[in-house]
Amino acid sequence: MVITKDYFLELKPGTDTYYVRSRTEEICPFCDGKLKVIGSRGRKVLRRDGSSGHLIIRRLRCGSCRHIHHELPDILVPYKRYDAETIENVVISFSDINKSIEKTSSDYPCEVSTAMRLRAWFFLCA
């Protein structure tokens, strides 16, 4: 995965799907080779308000080592369905794991068990 910070979203005509387009040329994280676009794929993202969105992300191949990467915007977290803002809010909303947990729709759009797994994943990565 290549995470890009300098990008723009282009609306696909007639749909609610957005193309993710990077403004910079990406390089391979393994060998620093040049990446070439070889295709695209869809990616569903769940937002804090409970709505979902559809993004089309590019597939890139390194010309040197031949690894395939996906170009993700910084609003997405690799291998997670929820966007970065939602995961951040879930982690912040559980300040103490021993307290009773009450779900409020303004904090996160998922069930308590999913929120607990997201929180556990975050602290394992940190």
N, C-alpha and C. Protein backbone atom coordinates (compact mmCIF):
# COMPACT_ATOMS: atom_id res chain seq x y z
N MET A 1 0.83 -1.18 0.00
CA MET A 1 0.00 0.00 0.00
C MET A 1 0.87 1.24 0.00
N VAL A 2 0.45 2.18 -0.79
CA VAL A 2 1.09 3.48 -0.84
C VAL A 2 0.05 4.50 -0.38
N ILE A 3 0.34 5.21 0.70
CA ILE A 3 -0.60 6.19 1.21
C ILE A 3 -0.17 7.57 0.72
N THR A 4 -1.10 8.23 0.03
CA THR A 4 -0.81 9.53 -0.54
C THR A 4 -1.53 10.64 0.23
N LYS A 5 -0.87 11.76 0.40
CA LYS A 5 -1.46 12.90 1.10
C LYS A 5 -1.84 14.01 0.14
N ASP A 6 -1.23 14.03 -1.02
CA ASP A 6 -1.51 15.07 -2.01
C ASP A 6 -2.35 14.46 -3.14
N TYR A 7 -3.67 14.56 -3.02
CA TYR A 7 -4.57 13.94 -3.98
C TYR A 7 -5.83 14.80 -4.12
N PHE A 8 -6.64 14.45 -5.10
CA PHE A 8 -7.95 15.06 -5.24
C PHE A 8 -8.95 13.97 -5.60
N LEU A 9 -10.22 14.23 -5.31
CA LEU A 9 -11.29 13.28 -5.60
C LEU A 9 -12.07 13.80 -6.80
N GLU A 10 -12.26 12.93 -7.78
CA GLU A 10 -12.97 13.29 -9.00
C GLU A 10 -14.25 12.46 -9.06
N LEU A 11 -15.39 13.13 -9.14
CA LEU A 11 -16.69 12.45 -9.15
C LEU A 11 -16.90 11.72 -10.47
N LYS A 12 -17.28 10.45 -10.37
CA LYS A 12 -17.63 9.68 -11.56
C LYS A 12 -19.02 10.13 -12.01
N PRO A 13 -19.16 10.55 -13.26
CA PRO A 13 -20.45 11.10 -13.72
C PRO A 13 -21.61 10.11 -13.54
N GLY A 14 -22.72 10.63 -13.00
CA GLY A 14 -23.93 9.84 -12.85
C GLY A 14 -23.96 8.90 -11.66
N THR A 15 -22.95 8.95 -10.78
CA THR A 15 -22.90 8.06 -9.62
C THR A 15 -22.47 8.85 -8.39
N ASP A 16 -22.37 8.13 -7.26
CA ASP A 16 -21.83 8.74 -6.05
C ASP A 16 -20.44 8.16 -5.75
N THR A 17 -19.73 7.74 -6.80
CA THR A 17 -18.41 7.15 -6.70
C THR A 17 -17.36 8.20 -7.07
N TYR A 18 -16.25 8.19 -6.32
CA TYR A 18 -15.17 9.14 -6.56
C TYR A 18 -13.89 8.40 -6.96
N TYR A 19 -13.20 8.96 -7.96
CA TYR A 19 -11.86 8.48 -8.32
C TYR A 19 -10.85 9.20 -7.44
N VAL A 20 -9.88 8.46 -6.90
CA VAL A 20 -8.80 9.06 -6.13
C VAL A 20 -7.64 9.29 -7.09
N ARG A 21 -7.21 10.53 -7.23
CA ARG A 21 -6.14 10.89 -8.15
C ARG A 21 -5.01 11.60 -7.38
N SER A 22 -3.82 11.04 -7.46
CA SER A 22 -2.67 11.63 -6.79
C SER A 22 -2.08 12.74 -7.65
N ARG A 23 -1.61 13.78 -6.99
CA ARG A 23 -0.97 14.88 -7.70
C ARG A 23 0.54 14.67 -7.85
N THR A 24 1.08 13.70 -7.13
CA THR A 24 2.52 13.45 -7.18
C THR A 24 2.78 12.06 -7.76
N GLU A 25 3.99 11.87 -8.23
CA GLU A 25 4.40 10.57 -8.74
C GLU A 25 4.85 9.72 -7.55
N GLU A 26 4.23 8.57 -7.39
CA GLU A 26 4.54 7.70 -6.25
C GLU A 26 5.76 6.83 -6.56
N ILE A 27 6.50 6.47 -5.49
CA ILE A 27 7.64 5.57 -5.64
C ILE A 27 7.41 4.33 -4.81
N CYS A 28 8.05 3.26 -5.18
CA CYS A 28 7.89 1.97 -4.51
C CYS A 28 8.50 2.03 -3.11
N PRO A 29 7.76 1.59 -2.08
CA PRO A 29 8.31 1.60 -0.72
C PRO A 29 9.38 0.52 -0.50
N PHE A 30 9.48 -0.45 -1.41
CA PHE A 30 10.48 -1.52 -1.25
C PHE A 30 11.82 -1.18 -1.89
N CYS A 31 11.77 -0.68 -3.14
CA CYS A 31 13.04 -0.48 -3.86
C CYS A 31 13.22 0.94 -4.40
N ASP A 32 12.32 1.85 -4.11
CA ASP A 32 12.35 3.23 -4.59
C ASP A 32 12.24 3.33 -6.12
N GLY A 33 11.66 2.31 -6.73
CA GLY A 33 11.46 2.33 -8.18
C GLY A 33 10.22 3.14 -8.56
N LYS A 34 10.07 3.37 -9.85
CA LYS A 34 8.94 4.15 -10.36
C LYS A 34 7.71 3.24 -10.46
N LEU A 35 6.56 3.77 -10.03
CA LEU A 35 5.31 3.00 -10.07
C LEU A 35 4.49 3.40 -11.29
N LYS A 36 3.91 2.41 -11.94
CA LYS A 36 3.09 2.62 -13.12
C LYS A 36 1.67 2.14 -12.83
N VAL A 37 0.67 2.89 -13.29
CA VAL A 37 -0.73 2.52 -13.09
C VAL A 37 -1.05 1.31 -13.98
N ILE A 38 -1.62 0.25 -13.36
CA ILE A 38 -1.98 -0.94 -14.13
C ILE A 38 -3.48 -1.22 -14.06
N GLY A 39 -4.21 -0.44 -13.31
CA GLY A 39 -5.65 -0.65 -13.22
C GLY A 39 -6.22 0.07 -12.01
N SER A 40 -7.43 -0.31 -11.66
CA SER A 40 -8.09 0.29 -10.51
C SER A 40 -9.03 -0.72 -9.89
N ARG A 41 -9.49 -0.41 -8.69
CA ARG A 41 -10.45 -1.26 -8.00
C ARG A 41 -11.32 -0.39 -7.10
N GLY A 42 -12.48 -0.90 -6.77
CA GLY A 42 -13.39 -0.18 -5.90
C GLY A 42 -13.06 -0.40 -4.43
N ARG A 43 -13.39 0.56 -3.63
CA ARG A 43 -13.17 0.47 -2.19
C ARG A 43 -14.33 1.17 -1.49
N LYS A 44 -15.02 0.45 -0.62
CA LYS A 44 -16.12 1.01 0.14
C LYS A 44 -15.57 1.57 1.44
N VAL A 45 -16.09 2.72 1.86
CA VAL A 45 -15.64 3.35 3.10
C VAL A 45 -16.86 3.73 3.91
N LEU A 46 -16.82 3.43 5.21
CA LEU A 46 -17.90 3.78 6.12
C LEU A 46 -17.48 5.01 6.92
N ARG A 47 -18.38 5.99 6.99
CA ARG A 47 -18.06 7.26 7.64
C ARG A 47 -18.67 7.33 9.05
N ARG A 48 -18.28 8.37 9.76
CA ARG A 48 -18.70 8.58 11.15
C ARG A 48 -20.21 8.73 11.29
N ASP A 49 -20.84 9.37 10.31
CA ASP A 49 -22.29 9.59 10.39
C ASP A 49 -23.11 8.36 9.98
N GLY A 50 -22.45 7.26 9.67
CA GLY A 50 -23.14 6.03 9.30
C GLY A 50 -23.33 5.84 7.82
N SER A 51 -23.01 6.85 7.03
CA SER A 51 -23.15 6.74 5.58
C SER A 51 -21.94 6.00 5.00
N SER A 52 -22.11 5.52 3.79
CA SER A 52 -21.00 4.85 3.13
C SER A 52 -20.67 5.59 1.85
N GLY A 53 -19.47 5.44 1.41
CA GLY A 53 -19.02 6.05 0.16
C GLY A 53 -18.26 5.03 -0.65
N HIS A 54 -18.11 5.32 -1.90
CA HIS A 54 -17.38 4.43 -2.80
C HIS A 54 -16.24 5.20 -3.45
N LEU A 55 -15.06 4.64 -3.36
CA LEU A 55 -13.88 5.23 -3.97
C LEU A 55 -13.30 4.25 -4.98
N ILE A 56 -12.71 4.77 -6.02
CA ILE A 56 -11.97 3.94 -6.97
C ILE A 56 -10.51 4.28 -6.79
N ILE A 57 -9.74 3.31 -6.30
CA ILE A 57 -8.32 3.54 -6.04
C ILE A 57 -7.50 2.87 -7.14
N ARG A 58 -6.33 3.42 -7.39
CA ARG A 58 -5.49 2.91 -8.47
C ARG A 58 -4.60 1.77 -7.99
N ARG A 59 -4.35 0.82 -8.89
CA ARG A 59 -3.39 -0.25 -8.66
C ARG A 59 -2.11 0.15 -9.38
N LEU A 60 -0.99 0.02 -8.69
CA LEU A 60 0.30 0.44 -9.23
C LEU A 60 1.28 -0.72 -9.20
N ARG A 61 2.13 -0.81 -10.22
CA ARG A 61 3.18 -1.84 -10.25
C ARG A 61 4.53 -1.16 -10.37
N CYS A 62 5.48 -1.66 -9.59
CA CYS A 62 6.84 -1.15 -9.64
C CYS A 62 7.54 -1.70 -10.88
N GLY A 63 8.22 -0.83 -11.62
CA GLY A 63 8.95 -1.26 -12.81
C GLY A 63 10.20 -2.05 -12.48
N SER A 64 10.73 -1.89 -11.26
CA SER A 64 11.97 -2.59 -10.89
C SER A 64 11.70 -3.94 -10.22
N CYS A 65 10.98 -3.93 -9.11
CA CYS A 65 10.79 -5.16 -8.34
C CYS A 65 9.47 -5.87 -8.65
N ARG A 66 8.60 -5.25 -9.45
CA ARG A 66 7.34 -5.82 -9.91
C ARG A 66 6.29 -6.02 -8.82
N HIS A 67 6.45 -5.42 -7.64
CA HIS A 67 5.44 -5.47 -6.59
C HIS A 67 4.23 -4.65 -7.02
N ILE A 68 3.04 -5.09 -6.59
CA ILE A 68 1.81 -4.36 -6.87
C ILE A 68 1.37 -3.67 -5.59
N HIS A 69 1.02 -2.41 -5.72
CA HIS A 69 0.57 -1.59 -4.59
C HIS A 69 -0.76 -0.95 -4.92
N HIS A 70 -1.53 -0.60 -3.89
CA HIS A 70 -2.74 0.19 -4.05
C HIS A 70 -2.47 1.57 -3.50
N GLU A 71 -2.94 2.58 -4.21
CA GLU A 71 -2.72 3.96 -3.80
C GLU A 71 -3.91 4.43 -2.97
N LEU A 72 -3.71 4.55 -1.65
CA LEU A 72 -4.79 4.94 -0.74
C LEU A 72 -4.66 6.41 -0.34
N PRO A 73 -5.78 7.13 -0.30
CA PRO A 73 -5.73 8.48 0.25
C PRO A 73 -5.57 8.40 1.76
N ASP A 74 -5.09 9.47 2.38
CA ASP A 74 -4.83 9.45 3.82
C ASP A 74 -6.09 9.42 4.67
N ILE A 75 -7.26 9.52 4.08
CA ILE A 75 -8.51 9.40 4.85
C ILE A 75 -8.87 7.95 5.12
N LEU A 76 -8.20 7.01 4.44
CA LEU A 76 -8.47 5.59 4.63
C LEU A 76 -7.37 4.94 5.46
N VAL A 77 -7.74 3.89 6.17
CA VAL A 77 -6.79 3.10 6.94
C VAL A 77 -6.66 1.76 6.23
N PRO A 78 -5.43 1.31 5.93
CA PRO A 78 -5.28 0.03 5.23
C PRO A 78 -5.98 -1.11 5.95
N TYR A 79 -6.71 -1.91 5.19
CA TYR A 79 -7.40 -3.11 5.66
C TYR A 79 -8.57 -2.85 6.60
N LYS A 80 -9.03 -1.61 6.72
CA LYS A 80 -10.17 -1.28 7.57
C LYS A 80 -11.28 -0.68 6.72
N ARG A 81 -12.53 -0.93 7.10
CA ARG A 81 -13.68 -0.41 6.37
C ARG A 81 -14.02 1.02 6.77
N TYR A 82 -13.71 1.39 8.00
CA TYR A 82 -14.04 2.73 8.49
C TYR A 82 -12.94 3.71 8.14
N ASP A 83 -13.32 4.97 7.95
CA ASP A 83 -12.33 5.98 7.63
C ASP A 83 -11.52 6.34 8.87
N ALA A 84 -10.44 7.07 8.67
CA ALA A 84 -9.51 7.39 9.76
C ALA A 84 -10.17 8.21 10.85
N GLU A 85 -11.06 9.13 10.48
CA GLU A 85 -11.73 9.97 11.48
C GLU A 85 -12.63 9.13 12.39
N THR A 86 -13.31 8.15 11.84
CA THR A 86 -14.18 7.28 12.64
C THR A 86 -13.37 6.46 13.62
N ILE A 87 -12.27 5.89 13.16
CA ILE A 87 -11.42 5.08 14.05
C ILE A 87 -10.84 5.96 15.15
N GLU A 88 -10.46 7.17 14.82
CA GLU A 88 -9.95 8.10 15.83
C GLU A 88 -11.02 8.39 16.89
N ASN A 89 -12.24 8.62 16.46
CA ASN A 89 -13.32 8.89 17.41
C ASN A 89 -13.65 7.69 18.29
N VAL A 90 -13.55 6.49 17.74
CA VAL A 90 -13.78 5.28 18.53
C VAL A 90 -12.73 5.16 19.62
N VAL A 91 -11.47 5.37 19.26
CA VAL A 91 -10.38 5.26 20.24
C VAL A 91 -10.52 6.32 21.33
N ILE A 92 -10.87 7.53 20.96
CA ILE A 92 -11.02 8.62 21.94
C ILE A 92 -12.23 8.39 22.84
N SER A 93 -13.33 7.84 22.29
CA SER A 93 -14.55 7.69 23.08
C SER A 93 -14.41 6.65 24.19
N PHE A 94 -13.47 5.71 24.05
CA PHE A 94 -13.24 4.72 25.10
C PHE A 94 -12.01 5.13 25.91
N SER A 95 -12.17 6.12 26.76
CA SER A 95 -11.03 6.60 27.53
C SER A 95 -10.60 5.60 28.61
N ASP A 96 -11.53 4.83 29.14
CA ASP A 96 -11.21 3.82 30.14
C ASP A 96 -12.00 2.57 29.84
N ILE A 97 -11.31 1.47 29.59
CA ILE A 97 -11.98 0.23 29.19
C ILE A 97 -12.80 -0.38 30.32
N ASN A 98 -12.52 -0.05 31.57
CA ASN A 98 -13.26 -0.63 32.68
C ASN A 98 -14.58 0.08 32.97
N LYS A 99 -14.77 1.27 32.40
CA LYS A 99 -16.03 1.98 32.59
C LYS A 99 -17.13 1.30 31.79
N SER A 100 -18.36 1.55 32.16
CA SER A 100 -19.45 1.01 31.36
C SER A 100 -19.47 1.74 30.02
N ILE A 101 -19.72 0.99 28.98
CA ILE A 101 -19.67 1.53 27.63
C ILE A 101 -21.09 1.74 27.13
N GLU A 102 -21.38 2.97 26.75
CA GLU A 102 -22.68 3.29 26.18
C GLU A 102 -22.46 3.86 24.80
N LYS A 103 -23.15 3.30 23.83
CA LYS A 103 -23.00 3.74 22.46
C LYS A 103 -23.86 4.97 22.21
N THR A 104 -23.25 5.99 21.65
CA THR A 104 -24.00 7.13 21.17
C THR A 104 -23.69 7.28 19.69
N SER A 105 -24.69 7.56 18.90
CA SER A 105 -24.51 7.60 17.45
C SER A 105 -23.55 8.70 17.02
N SER A 106 -23.35 9.71 17.85
CA SER A 106 -22.42 10.77 17.47
C SER A 106 -20.97 10.34 17.64
N ASP A 107 -20.71 9.33 18.47
CA ASP A 107 -19.35 8.87 18.68
C ASP A 107 -18.86 7.95 17.56
N TYR A 108 -19.65 6.96 17.20
CA TYR A 108 -19.24 6.00 16.18
C TYR A 108 -20.46 5.28 15.61
N PRO A 109 -20.38 4.85 14.36
CA PRO A 109 -21.53 4.25 13.68
C PRO A 109 -21.57 2.74 13.73
N CYS A 110 -20.82 2.11 14.61
CA CYS A 110 -20.76 0.66 14.63
C CYS A 110 -21.23 0.12 15.98
N GLU A 111 -21.32 -1.19 16.06
CA GLU A 111 -21.72 -1.82 17.31
C GLU A 111 -20.58 -1.75 18.33
N VAL A 112 -20.92 -1.97 19.58
CA VAL A 112 -19.92 -1.87 20.65
C VAL A 112 -18.80 -2.89 20.45
N SER A 113 -19.15 -4.11 20.03
CA SER A 113 -18.11 -5.13 19.83
C SER A 113 -17.13 -4.72 18.73
N THR A 114 -17.63 -4.12 17.66
CA THR A 114 -16.75 -3.65 16.59
C THR A 114 -15.88 -2.51 17.09
N ALA A 115 -16.45 -1.60 17.87
CA ALA A 115 -15.68 -0.50 18.43
C ALA A 115 -14.57 -1.02 19.35
N MET A 116 -14.86 -2.04 20.13
CA MET A 116 -13.84 -2.61 21.02
C MET A 116 -12.72 -3.25 20.21
N ARG A 117 -13.05 -3.93 19.12
CA ARG A 117 -12.02 -4.54 18.27
C ARG A 117 -11.16 -3.47 17.60
N LEU A 118 -11.78 -2.38 17.14
CA LEU A 118 -11.01 -1.29 16.55
C LEU A 118 -10.06 -0.67 17.55
N ARG A 119 -10.54 -0.49 18.76
CA ARG A 119 -9.70 0.08 19.82
C ARG A 119 -8.54 -0.85 20.15
N ALA A 120 -8.81 -2.15 20.27
CA ALA A 120 -7.76 -3.12 20.55
C ALA A 120 -6.72 -3.16 19.42
N TRP A 121 -7.19 -3.14 18.18
CA TRP A 121 -6.28 -3.12 17.03
C TRP A 121 -5.39 -1.89 17.07
N PHE A 122 -5.97 -0.73 17.38
CA PHE A 122 -5.20 0.51 17.42
C PHE A 122 -4.08 0.42 18.44
N PHE A 123 -4.37 -0.07 19.64
CA PHE A 123 -3.34 -0.11 20.68
C PHE A 123 -2.32 -1.21 20.45
N LEU A 124 -2.68 -2.24 19.68
CA LEU A 124 -1.69 -3.25 19.30
C LEU A 124 -0.71 -2.69 18.28
N CYS A 125 -1.18 -1.81 17.42
CA CYS A 125 -0.32 -1.21 16.39
C CYS A 125 0.59 -0.12 16.97
N ALA A 126 0.16 0.50 18.05
CA ALA A 126 0.92 1.63 18.61
C ALA A 126 2.16 1.23 19.34
